[in-house]
């Protein structure tokens, strides 16, 4: 069962989530949905989303940093050199829901 806070978080995220290109079906949003890997929201969009989230839900930012979830990746001009992927923590809708309930960002 989805409570009021969860519903409002989903409503906030929905415009950023998009639709599947070929069948125009809305992307399913769940607490486990990852903003980066599942929704492919880029860094600038996530930054806008999070600013709106903190304002709308009156959540204290605490130690929130967009770089935690979207770190700078080294750029290589050598097309034959593979760069190792940078490991990043999950960044899920559930994190936003729990932080909205608590009134502060709960994750570092």
PDB file of N, CA and C in Angstrom:
ATOM      1  N   UNK A   1       0.843  -1.184   0.000  1.00  0.00           N
ATOM      2  CA  UNK A   1       0.000   0.000   0.000  1.00  0.00           C
ATOM      3  C   UNK A   1       0.886   1.244   0.000  1.00  0.00           C
ATOM      4  N   UNK A   2       0.576   2.175  -0.849  1.00  0.00           N
ATOM      5  CA  UNK A   2       1.364   3.387  -0.987  1.00  0.00           C
ATOM      6  C   UNK A   2       0.751   4.474  -0.099  1.00  0.00           C
ATOM      7  N   UNK A   3       1.603   5.036   0.788  1.00  0.00           N
ATOM      8  CA  UNK A   3       1.090   6.115   1.642  1.00  0.00           C
ATOM      9  C   UNK A   3       1.226   7.463   0.929  1.00  0.00           C
ATOM     10  N   UNK A   4       0.766   8.524   1.593  1.00  0.00           N
ATOM     11  CA  UNK A   4       0.719   9.847   0.968  1.00  0.00           C
ATOM     12  C   UNK A   4       2.111  10.365   0.587  1.00  0.00           C
ATOM     13  N   UNK A   5       3.086  10.198   1.466  1.00  0.00           N
ATOM     14  CA  UNK A   5       4.444  10.676   1.160  1.00  0.00           C
ATOM     15  C   UNK A   5       5.004   9.928  -0.041  1.00  0.00           C
ATOM     16  N   UNK A   6       4.838   8.592  -0.053  1.00  0.00           N
ATOM     17  CA  UNK A   6       5.329   7.805  -1.192  1.00  0.00           C
ATOM     18  C   UNK A   6       4.684   8.289  -2.485  1.00  0.00           C
ATOM     19  N   UNK A   7       3.379   8.504  -2.459  1.00  0.00           N
ATOM     20  CA  UNK A   7       2.662   8.951  -3.650  1.00  0.00           C
ATOM     21  C   UNK A   7       3.200  10.286  -4.146  1.00  0.00           C
ATOM     22  N   UNK A   8       3.467  11.204  -3.227  1.00  0.00           N
ATOM     23  CA  UNK A   8       3.983  12.517  -3.615  1.00  0.00           C
ATOM     24  C   UNK A   8       5.401  12.420  -4.179  1.00  0.00           C
ATOM     25  N   UNK A   9       6.221  11.512  -3.637  1.00  0.00           N
ATOM     26  CA  UNK A   9       7.569  11.307  -4.180  1.00  0.00           C
ATOM     27  C   UNK A   9       7.462  10.745  -5.599  1.00  0.00           C
ATOM     28  N   UNK A  10       6.580   9.765  -5.809  1.00  0.00           N
ATOM     29  CA  UNK A  10       6.381   9.220  -7.156  1.00  0.00           C
ATOM     30  C   UNK A  10       5.917  10.310  -8.119  1.00  0.00           C
ATOM     31  N   UNK A  11       5.014  11.169  -7.671  1.00  0.00           N
ATOM     32  CA  UNK A  11       4.526  12.264  -8.511  1.00  0.00           C
ATOM     33  C   UNK A  11       5.651  13.234  -8.871  1.00  0.00           C
ATOM     34  N   UNK A  12       6.556  13.460  -7.933  1.00  0.00           N
ATOM     35  CA  UNK A  12       7.702  14.334  -8.195  1.00  0.00           C
ATOM     36  C   UNK A  12       8.634  13.716  -9.237  1.00  0.00           C
ATOM     37  N   UNK A  13       8.845  12.424  -9.145  1.00  0.00           N
ATOM     38  CA  UNK A  13       9.801  11.733 -10.024  1.00  0.00           C
ATOM     39  C   UNK A  13       9.222  11.437 -11.401  1.00  0.00           C
ATOM     40  N   UNK A  14       7.915  11.219 -11.482  1.00  0.00           N
ATOM     41  CA  UNK A  14       7.275  10.801 -12.739  1.00  0.00           C
ATOM     42  C   UNK A  14       7.710  11.629 -13.952  1.00  0.00           C
ATOM     43  N   UNK A  15       7.732  12.971 -13.916  1.00  0.00           N
ATOM     44  CA  UNK A  15       8.140  13.731 -15.117  1.00  0.00           C
ATOM     45  C   UNK A  15       9.590  13.464 -15.545  1.00  0.00           C
ATOM     46  N   UNK A  16      10.423  13.040 -14.621  1.00  0.00           N
ATOM     47  CA  UNK A  16      11.821  12.750 -14.940  1.00  0.00           C
ATOM     48  C   UNK A  16      12.009  11.319 -15.451  1.00  0.00           C
ATOM     49  N   UNK A  17      11.006  10.463 -15.215  1.00  0.00           N
ATOM     50  CA  UNK A  17      11.140   9.038 -15.505  1.00  0.00           C
ATOM     51  C   UNK A  17      10.930   8.693 -16.964  1.00  0.00           C
ATOM     52  N   UNK A  18      10.148   9.480 -17.684  1.00  0.00           N
ATOM     53  CA  UNK A  18       9.937   9.217 -19.105  1.00  0.00           C
ATOM     54  C   UNK A  18       9.060   8.006 -19.352  1.00  0.00           C
ATOM     55  N   UNK A  19       9.075   7.542 -20.600  1.00  0.00           N
ATOM     56  CA  UNK A  19       8.301   6.378 -21.018  1.00  0.00           C
ATOM     57  C   UNK A  19       9.186   5.500 -21.882  1.00  0.00           C
ATOM     58  N   UNK A  20       8.768   4.248 -22.063  1.00  0.00           N
ATOM     59  CA  UNK A  20       9.473   3.382 -22.993  1.00  0.00           C
ATOM     60  C   UNK A  20       9.208   3.888 -24.407  1.00  0.00           C
ATOM     61  N   UNK A  21      10.224   3.980 -25.203  1.00  0.00           N
ATOM     62  CA  UNK A  21      10.132   4.603 -26.514  1.00  0.00           C
ATOM     63  C   UNK A  21       9.171   3.881 -27.454  1.00  0.00           C
ATOM     64  N   UNK A  22       9.214   2.563 -27.515  1.00  0.00           N
ATOM     65  CA  UNK A  22       8.475   1.850 -28.544  1.00  0.00           C
ATOM     66  C   UNK A  22       7.013   1.584 -28.211  1.00  0.00           C
ATOM     67  N   UNK A  23       6.688   1.450 -26.932  1.00  0.00           N
ATOM     68  CA  UNK A  23       5.290   1.160 -26.629  1.00  0.00           C
ATOM     69  C   UNK A  23       4.624   2.260 -25.809  1.00  0.00           C
ATOM     70  N   UNK A  24       5.323   3.359 -25.573  1.00  0.00           N
ATOM     71  CA  UNK A  24       4.800   4.514 -24.859  1.00  0.00           C
ATOM     72  C   UNK A  24       4.199   4.141 -23.499  1.00  0.00           C
ATOM     73  N   UNK A  25       4.713   3.103 -22.899  1.00  0.00           N
ATOM     74  CA  UNK A  25       4.259   2.670 -21.587  1.00  0.00           C
ATOM     75  C   UNK A  25       5.064   3.402 -20.522  1.00  0.00           C
ATOM     76  N   UNK A  26       4.399   3.842 -19.474  1.00  0.00           N
ATOM     77  CA  UNK A  26       5.100   4.516 -18.384  1.00  0.00           C
ATOM     78  C   UNK A  26       6.023   3.532 -17.684  1.00  0.00           C
ATOM     79  N   UNK A  27       7.165   4.027 -17.267  1.00  0.00           N
ATOM     80  CA  UNK A  27       8.111   3.228 -16.509  1.00  0.00           C
ATOM     81  C   UNK A  27       7.526   2.998 -15.117  1.00  0.00           C
ATOM     82  N   UNK A  28       7.574   1.756 -14.647  1.00  0.00           N
ATOM     83  CA  UNK A  28       7.053   1.448 -13.312  1.00  0.00           C
ATOM     84  C   UNK A  28       8.000   2.000 -12.253  1.00  0.00           C
ATOM     85  N   UNK A  29       7.439   2.696 -11.280  1.00  0.00           N
ATOM     86  CA  UNK A  29       8.226   3.252 -10.186  1.00  0.00           C
ATOM     87  C   UNK A  29       7.943   2.466  -8.917  1.00  0.00           C
ATOM     88  N   UNK A  30       9.016   2.003  -8.273  1.00  0.00           N
ATOM     89  CA  UNK A  30       8.917   1.290  -7.003  1.00  0.00           C
ATOM     90  C   UNK A  30      10.008   1.846  -6.088  1.00  0.00           C
ATOM     91  N   UNK A  31       9.964   1.530  -4.795  1.00  0.00           N
ATOM     92  CA  UNK A  31      11.041   1.989  -3.911  1.00  0.00           C
ATOM     93  C   UNK A  31      12.424   1.491  -4.344  1.00  0.00           C
ATOM     94  N   UNK A  32      12.484   0.359  -5.033  1.00  0.00           N
ATOM     95  CA  UNK A  32      13.771  -0.206  -5.466  1.00  0.00           C
ATOM     96  C   UNK A  32      14.282   0.407  -6.764  1.00  0.00           C
ATOM     97  N   UNK A  33      13.473   1.210  -7.438  1.00  0.00           N
ATOM     98  CA  UNK A  33      13.883   1.818  -8.703  1.00  0.00           C
ATOM     99  C   UNK A  33      15.069   2.741  -8.477  1.00  0.00           C
ATOM    100  N   UNK A  34      16.141   2.510  -9.233  1.00  0.00           N
ATOM    101  CA  UNK A  34      17.354   3.324  -9.135  1.00  0.00           C
ATOM    102  C   UNK A  34      17.248   4.477 -10.126  1.00  0.00           C
ATOM    103  N   UNK A  35      17.490   5.689  -9.635  1.00  0.00           N
ATOM    104  CA  UNK A  35      17.349   6.873 -10.482  1.00  0.00           C
ATOM    105  C   UNK A  35      18.324   6.869 -11.651  1.00  0.00           C
ATOM    106  N   UNK A  36      19.498   6.346 -11.441  1.00  0.00           N
ATOM    107  CA  UNK A  36      20.525   6.339 -12.478  1.00  0.00           C
ATOM    108  C   UNK A  36      20.362   5.129 -13.398  1.00  0.00           C
ATOM    109  N   UNK A  37      20.479   3.944 -12.853  1.00  0.00           N
ATOM    110  CA  UNK A  37      20.514   2.750 -13.706  1.00  0.00           C
ATOM    111  C   UNK A  37      19.159   2.351 -14.273  1.00  0.00           C
ATOM    112  N   UNK A  38      18.080   2.506 -13.506  1.00  0.00           N
ATOM    113  CA  UNK A  38      16.767   2.091 -13.999  1.00  0.00           C
ATOM    114  C   UNK A  38      16.074   3.174 -14.820  1.00  0.00           C
ATOM    115  N   UNK A  39      16.224   4.423 -14.421  1.00  0.00           N
ATOM    116  CA  UNK A  39      15.522   5.515 -15.100  1.00  0.00           C
ATOM    117  C   UNK A  39      16.419   6.299 -16.052  1.00  0.00           C
ATOM    118  N   UNK A  40      17.719   6.071 -15.979  1.00  0.00           N
ATOM    119  CA  UNK A  40      18.684   6.758 -16.848  1.00  0.00           C
ATOM    120  C   UNK A  40      18.553   8.274 -16.786  1.00  0.00           C
ATOM    121  N   UNK A  41      18.292   8.788 -15.593  1.00  0.00           N
ATOM    122  CA  UNK A  41      18.230  10.234 -15.420  1.00  0.00           C
ATOM    123  C   UNK A  41      19.662  10.735 -15.325  1.00  0.00           C
ATOM    124  N   UNK A  42      19.996  11.742 -16.110  1.00  0.00           N
ATOM    125  CA  UNK A  42      21.375  12.230 -16.102  1.00  0.00           C
ATOM    126  C   UNK A  42      21.625  13.149 -14.901  1.00  0.00           C
ATOM    127  N   UNK A  43      22.880  13.475 -14.713  1.00  0.00           N
ATOM    128  CA  UNK A  43      23.314  14.226 -13.536  1.00  0.00           C
ATOM    129  C   UNK A  43      22.599  15.573 -13.379  1.00  0.00           C
ATOM    130  N   UNK A  44      22.448  16.311 -14.457  1.00  0.00           N
ATOM    131  CA  UNK A  44      21.800  17.620 -14.366  1.00  0.00           C
ATOM    132  C   UNK A  44      20.322  17.494 -13.999  1.00  0.00           C
ATOM    133  N   UNK A  45      19.654  16.502 -14.567  1.00  0.00           N
ATOM    134  CA  UNK A  45      18.246  16.280 -14.219  1.00  0.00           C
ATOM    135  C   UNK A  45      18.097  15.848 -12.766  1.00  0.00           C
ATOM    136  N   UNK A  46      18.990  14.976 -12.304  1.00  0.00           N
ATOM    137  CA  UNK A  46      18.933  14.527 -10.910  1.00  0.00           C
ATOM    138  C   UNK A  46      19.185  15.699  -9.973  1.00  0.00           C
ATOM    139  N   UNK A  47      20.084  16.568 -10.355  1.00  0.00           N
ATOM    140  CA  UNK A  47      20.368  17.742  -9.527  1.00  0.00           C
ATOM    141  C   UNK A  47      19.102  18.614  -9.398  1.00  0.00           C
ATOM    142  N   UNK A  48      18.408  18.830 -10.514  1.00  0.00           N
ATOM    143  CA  UNK A  48      17.147  19.577 -10.475  1.00  0.00           C
ATOM    144  C   UNK A  48      16.106  18.848  -9.633  1.00  0.00           C
ATOM    145  N   UNK A  49      15.996  17.542  -9.853  1.00  0.00           N
ATOM    146  CA  UNK A  49      15.049  16.720  -9.101  1.00  0.00           C
ATOM    147  C   UNK A  49      15.311  16.811  -7.606  1.00  0.00           C
ATOM    148  N   UNK A  50      16.564  16.687  -7.205  1.00  0.00           N
ATOM    149  CA  UNK A  50      16.889  16.703  -5.787  1.00  0.00           C
ATOM    150  C   UNK A  50      16.674  18.076  -5.164  1.00  0.00           C
ATOM    151  N   UNK A  51      16.976  19.133  -5.883  1.00  0.00           N
ATOM    152  CA  UNK A  51      16.689  20.480  -5.369  1.00  0.00           C
ATOM    153  C   UNK A  51      15.192  20.646  -5.131  1.00  0.00           C
ATOM    154  N   UNK A  52      14.399  20.177  -6.083  1.00  0.00           N
ATOM    155  CA  UNK A  52      12.945  20.234  -5.943  1.00  0.00           C
ATOM    156  C   UNK A  52      12.482  19.353  -4.782  1.00  0.00           C
ATOM    157  N   UNK A  53      13.087  18.171  -4.638  1.00  0.00           N
ATOM    158  CA  UNK A  53      12.743  17.257  -3.545  1.00  0.00           C
ATOM    159  C   UNK A  53      13.004  17.898  -2.185  1.00  0.00           C
ATOM    160  N   UNK A  54      14.199  18.457  -1.999  1.00  0.00           N
ATOM    161  CA  UNK A  54      14.534  19.069  -0.709  1.00  0.00           C
ATOM    162  C   UNK A  54      13.591  20.225  -0.376  1.00  0.00           C
ATOM    163  N   UNK A  55      13.234  21.013  -1.375  1.00  0.00           N
ATOM    164  CA  UNK A  55      12.329  22.146  -1.151  1.00  0.00           C
ATOM    165  C   UNK A  55      10.896  21.681  -0.873  1.00  0.00           C
ATOM    166  N   UNK A  56      10.382  20.825  -1.732  1.00  0.00           N
ATOM    167  CA  UNK A  56       8.981  20.399  -1.639  1.00  0.00           C
ATOM    168  C   UNK A  56       8.678  19.641  -0.346  1.00  0.00           C
ATOM    169  N   UNK A  57       9.619  18.779   0.073  1.00  0.00           N
ATOM    170  CA  UNK A  57       9.382  17.952   1.252  1.00  0.00           C
ATOM    171  C   UNK A  57      10.034  18.525   2.508  1.00  0.00           C
ATOM    172  N   UNK A  58      10.643  19.697   2.363  1.00  0.00           N
ATOM    173  CA  UNK A  58      11.301  20.352   3.494  1.00  0.00           C
ATOM    174  C   UNK A  58      12.278  19.398   4.197  1.00  0.00           C
ATOM    175  N   UNK A  59      13.131  18.775   3.391  1.00  0.00           N
ATOM    176  CA  UNK A  59      14.118  17.805   3.881  1.00  0.00           C
ATOM    177  C   UNK A  59      15.464  18.503   4.032  1.00  0.00           C
ATOM    178  N   UNK A  60      16.089  18.335   5.191  1.00  0.00           N
ATOM    179  CA  UNK A  60      17.431  18.884   5.405  1.00  0.00           C
ATOM    180  C   UNK A  60      18.417  18.122   4.532  1.00  0.00           C
ATOM    181  N   UNK A  61      19.285  18.863   3.844  1.00  0.00           N
ATOM    182  CA  UNK A  61      20.255  18.251   2.926  1.00  0.00           C
ATOM    183  C   UNK A  61      21.325  17.425   3.638  1.00  0.00           C
ATOM    184  N   UNK A  62      21.688  17.821   4.837  1.00  0.00           N
ATOM    185  CA  UNK A  62      22.743  17.103   5.556  1.00  0.00           C
ATOM    186  C   UNK A  62      24.005  17.009   4.721  1.00  0.00           C
ATOM    187  N   UNK A  63      24.523  15.797   4.536  1.00  0.00           N
ATOM    188  CA  UNK A  63      25.752  15.574   3.769  1.00  0.00           C
ATOM    189  C   UNK A  63      25.481  15.178   2.320  1.00  0.00           C
ATOM    190  N   UNK A  64      24.275  15.428   1.820  1.00  0.00           N
ATOM    191  CA  UNK A  64      23.966  15.036   0.448  1.00  0.00           C
ATOM    192  C   UNK A  64      24.906  15.734  -0.530  1.00  0.00           C
ATOM    193  N   UNK A  65      25.453  14.934  -1.432  1.00  0.00           N
ATOM    194  CA  UNK A  65      26.306  15.459  -2.497  1.00  0.00           C
ATOM    195  C   UNK A  65      26.016  14.666  -3.761  1.00  0.00           C
ATOM    196  N   UNK A  66      25.691  15.367  -4.829  1.00  0.00           N
ATOM    197  CA  UNK A  66      25.385  14.702  -6.096  1.00  0.00           C
ATOM    198  C   UNK A  66      26.587  13.899  -6.601  1.00  0.00           C
ATOM    199  N   UNK A  67      27.797  14.342  -6.236  1.00  0.00           N
ATOM    200  CA  UNK A  67      29.015  13.653  -6.665  1.00  0.00           C
ATOM    201  C   UNK A  67      29.130  12.242  -6.080  1.00  0.00           C
ATOM    202  N   UNK A  68      28.436  11.981  -4.983  1.00  0.00           N
ATOM    203  CA  UNK A  68      28.434  10.629  -4.405  1.00  0.00           C
ATOM    204  C   UNK A  68      27.838   9.645  -5.399  1.00  0.00           C
ATOM    205  N   UNK A  69      26.810  10.068  -6.114  1.00  0.00           N
ATOM    206  CA  UNK A  69      26.075   9.191  -7.026  1.00  0.00           C
ATOM    207  C   UNK A  69      26.464   9.387  -8.488  1.00  0.00           C
ATOM    208  N   UNK A  70      27.080  10.517  -8.786  1.00  0.00           N
ATOM    209  CA  UNK A  70      27.544  10.830 -10.134  1.00  0.00           C
ATOM    210  C   UNK A  70      28.963  11.391 -10.052  1.00  0.00           C
ATOM    211  N   UNK A  71      29.944  10.531  -9.713  1.00  0.00           N
ATOM    212  CA  UNK A  71      31.318  11.030  -9.571  1.00  0.00           C
ATOM    213  C   UNK A  71      31.922  11.402 -10.922  1.00  0.00           C
ATOM    214  N   UNK A  72      32.896  12.297 -10.868  1.00  0.00           N
ATOM    215  CA  UNK A  72      33.624  12.640 -12.085  1.00  0.00           C
ATOM    216  C   UNK A  72      34.346  11.384 -12.567  1.00  0.00           C
ATOM    217  N   UNK A  73      34.229  11.112 -13.838  1.00  0.00           N
ATOM    218  CA  UNK A  73      34.929   9.965 -14.407  1.00  0.00           C
ATOM    219  C   UNK A  73      36.098  10.470 -15.228  1.00  0.00           C
ATOM    220  N   UNK A  74      37.220   9.782 -15.123  1.00  0.00           N
ATOM    221  CA  UNK A  74      38.391  10.216 -15.891  1.00  0.00           C
ATOM    222  C   UNK A  74      38.136  10.097 -17.392  1.00  0.00           C
ATOM    223  N   UNK A  75      38.581  11.087 -18.126  1.00  0.00           N
ATOM    224  CA  UNK A  75      38.410  11.102 -19.568  1.00  0.00           C
ATOM    225  C   UNK A  75      39.706  10.651 -20.226  1.00  0.00           C
ATOM    226  N   UNK A  76      39.572   9.706 -21.134  1.00  0.00           N
ATOM    227  CA  UNK A  76      40.744   9.221 -21.860  1.00  0.00           C
ATOM    228  C   UNK A  76      40.582   9.564 -23.331  1.00  0.00           C
ATOM    229  N   UNK A  77      41.602  10.165 -23.889  1.00  0.00           N
ATOM    230  CA  UNK A  77      41.577  10.489 -25.310  1.00  0.00           C
ATOM    231  C   UNK A  77      42.030   9.304 -26.157  1.00  0.00           C
ATOM    232  N   UNK A  78      42.474   8.263 -25.503  1.00  0.00           N
ATOM    233  CA  UNK A  78      42.916   7.065 -26.199  1.00  0.00           C
ATOM    234  C   UNK A  78      41.711   6.140 -26.410  1.00  0.00           C
ATOM    235  N   UNK A  79      41.257   5.953 -27.645  1.00  0.00           N
ATOM    236  CA  UNK A  79      40.068   5.130 -27.885  1.00  0.00           C
ATOM    237  C   UNK A  79      40.289   3.642 -27.605  1.00  0.00           C
ATOM    238  N   UNK A  80      41.562   3.222 -27.470  1.00  0.00           N
ATOM    239  CA  UNK A  80      41.862   1.818 -27.238  1.00  0.00           C
ATOM    240  C   UNK A  80      42.010   1.491 -25.753  1.00  0.00           C
ATOM    241  N   UNK A  81      42.042   2.515 -24.939  1.00  0.00           N
ATOM    242  CA  UNK A  81      42.206   2.306 -23.505  1.00  0.00           C
ATOM    243  C   UNK A  81      40.825   2.307 -22.835  1.00  0.00           C
ATOM    244  N   UNK A  82      40.523   1.181 -22.219  1.00  0.00           N
ATOM    245  CA  UNK A  82      39.249   1.083 -21.512  1.00  0.00           C
ATOM    246  C   UNK A  82      39.396   1.700 -20.132  1.00  0.00           C
ATOM    247  N   UNK A  83      38.426   2.501 -19.743  1.00  0.00           N
ATOM    248  CA  UNK A  83      38.441   3.039 -18.392  1.00  0.00           C
ATOM    249  C   UNK A  83      37.563   2.158 -17.515  1.00  0.00           C
ATOM    250  N   UNK A  84      38.026   1.937 -16.307  1.00  0.00           N
ATOM    251  CA  UNK A  84      37.282   1.122 -15.360  1.00  0.00           C
ATOM    252  C   UNK A  84      36.058   1.894 -14.879  1.00  0.00           C
ATOM    253  N   UNK A  85      34.901   1.218 -14.779  1.00  0.00           N
ATOM    254  CA  UNK A  85      33.725   1.911 -14.246  1.00  0.00           C
ATOM    255  C   UNK A  85      33.939   2.284 -12.780  1.00  0.00           C
ATOM    256  N   UNK A  86      33.445   3.446 -12.420  1.00  0.00           N
ATOM    257  CA  UNK A  86      33.578   3.925 -11.050  1.00  0.00           C
ATOM    258  C   UNK A  86      32.396   3.374 -10.252  1.00  0.00           C
ATOM    259  N   UNK A  87      32.661   2.622  -9.178  1.00  0.00           N
ATOM    260  CA  UNK A  87      31.550   2.090  -8.389  1.00  0.00           C
ATOM    261  C   UNK A  87      30.834   3.212  -7.639  1.00  0.00           C
ATOM    262  N   UNK A  88      29.517   3.195  -7.696  1.00  0.00           N
ATOM    263  CA  UNK A  88      28.712   4.196  -6.990  1.00  0.00           C
ATOM    264  C   UNK A  88      27.631   3.473  -6.187  1.00  0.00           C
ATOM    265  N   UNK A  89      27.205   4.086  -5.083  1.00  0.00           N
ATOM    266  CA  UNK A  89      26.143   3.471  -4.293  1.00  0.00           C
ATOM    267  C   UNK A  89      24.803   3.563  -5.010  1.00  0.00           C
ATOM    268  N   UNK A  90      23.866   2.719  -4.585  1.00  0.00           N
ATOM    269  CA  UNK A  90      22.508   2.800  -5.123  1.00  0.00           C
ATOM    270  C   UNK A  90      21.935   4.180  -4.825  1.00  0.00           C
ATOM    271  N   UNK A  91      21.046   4.625  -5.681  1.00  0.00           N
ATOM    272  CA  UNK A  91      20.382   5.918  -5.523  1.00  0.00           C
ATOM    273  C   UNK A  91      18.916   5.679  -5.898  1.00  0.00           C
ATOM    274  N   UNK A  92      18.132   5.180  -4.934  1.00  0.00           N
ATOM    275  CA  UNK A  92      16.797   4.681  -5.209  1.00  0.00           C
ATOM    276  C   UNK A  92      15.686   5.628  -4.768  1.00  0.00           C
ATOM    277  N   UNK A  93      14.512   5.386  -5.315  1.00  0.00           N
ATOM    278  CA  UNK A  93      13.330   6.140  -4.915  1.00  0.00           C
ATOM    279  C   UNK A  93      13.050   5.900  -3.436  1.00  0.00           C
ATOM    280  N   UNK A  94      13.310   4.691  -2.950  1.00  0.00           N
ATOM    281  CA  UNK A  94      13.113   4.381  -1.536  1.00  0.00           C
ATOM    282  C   UNK A  94      13.936   5.287  -0.624  1.00  0.00           C
ATOM    283  N   UNK A  95      15.111   5.680  -1.071  1.00  0.00           N
ATOM    284  CA  UNK A  95      15.952   6.585  -0.283  1.00  0.00           C
ATOM    285  C   UNK A  95      15.270   7.944  -0.140  1.00  0.00           C
ATOM    286  N   UNK A  96      14.633   8.402  -1.216  1.00  0.00           N
ATOM    287  CA  UNK A  96      13.919   9.674  -1.155  1.00  0.00           C
ATOM    288  C   UNK A  96      12.697   9.559  -0.251  1.00  0.00           C
ATOM    289  N   UNK A  97      11.984   8.446  -0.358  1.00  0.00           N
ATOM    290  CA  UNK A  97      10.793   8.243   0.473  1.00  0.00           C
ATOM    291  C   UNK A  97      11.158   8.240   1.954  1.00  0.00           C
ATOM    292  N   UNK A  98      12.173   7.460   2.323  1.00  0.00           N
ATOM    293  CA  UNK A  98      12.571   7.366   3.732  1.00  0.00           C
ATOM    294  C   UNK A  98      13.090   8.706   4.259  1.00  0.00           C
ATOM    295  N   UNK A  99      13.823   9.436   3.427  1.00  0.00           N
ATOM    296  CA  UNK A  99      14.334  10.747   3.837  1.00  0.00           C
ATOM    297  C   UNK A  99      13.197  11.754   3.989  1.00  0.00           C
ATOM    298  N   UNK A 100      12.197  11.679   3.108  1.00  0.00           N
ATOM    299  CA  UNK A 100      11.042  12.576   3.222  1.00  0.00           C
ATOM    300  C   UNK A 100      10.289  12.308   4.520  1.00  0.00           C
ATOM    301  N   UNK A 101      10.159  11.041   4.879  1.00  0.00           N
ATOM    302  CA  UNK A 101       9.483  10.683   6.129  1.00  0.00           C
ATOM    303  C   UNK A 101      10.258  11.207   7.336  1.00  0.00           C
ATOM    304  N   UNK A 102      11.596  11.141   7.262  1.00  0.00           N
ATOM    305  CA  UNK A 102      12.456  11.541   8.381  1.00  0.00           C
ATOM    306  C   UNK A 102      12.680  13.052   8.432  1.00  0.00           C
ATOM    307  N   UNK A 103      12.510  13.742   7.310  1.00  0.00           N
ATOM    308  CA  UNK A 103      12.735  15.187   7.265  1.00  0.00           C
ATOM    309  C   UNK A 103      14.192  15.564   7.120  1.00  0.00           C
ATOM    310  N   UNK A 104      15.027  14.579   6.835  1.00  0.00           N
ATOM    311  CA  UNK A 104      16.452  14.837   6.594  1.00  0.00           C
ATOM    312  C   UNK A 104      17.012  13.754   5.700  1.00  0.00           C
ATOM    313  N   UNK A 105      18.102  14.084   4.988  1.00  0.00           N
ATOM    314  CA  UNK A 105      18.743  13.104   4.105  1.00  0.00           C
ATOM    315  C   UNK A 105      19.435  12.079   4.981  1.00  0.00           C
ATOM    316  N   UNK A 106      19.072  10.811   4.817  1.00  0.00           N
ATOM    317  CA  UNK A 106      19.552   9.744   5.695  1.00  0.00           C
ATOM    318  C   UNK A 106      20.781   9.018   5.185  1.00  0.00           C
ATOM    319  N   UNK A 107      21.268   9.363   4.012  1.00  0.00           N
ATOM    320  CA  UNK A 107      22.334   8.582   3.385  1.00  0.00           C
ATOM    321  C   UNK A 107      23.549   9.458   3.080  1.00  0.00           C
ATOM    322  N   UNK A 108      24.731   8.884   3.222  1.00  0.00           N
ATOM    323  CA  UNK A 108      25.975   9.611   2.921  1.00  0.00           C
ATOM    324  C   UNK A 108      26.598   9.089   1.653  1.00  0.00           C
TER     325      UNK A 108
END
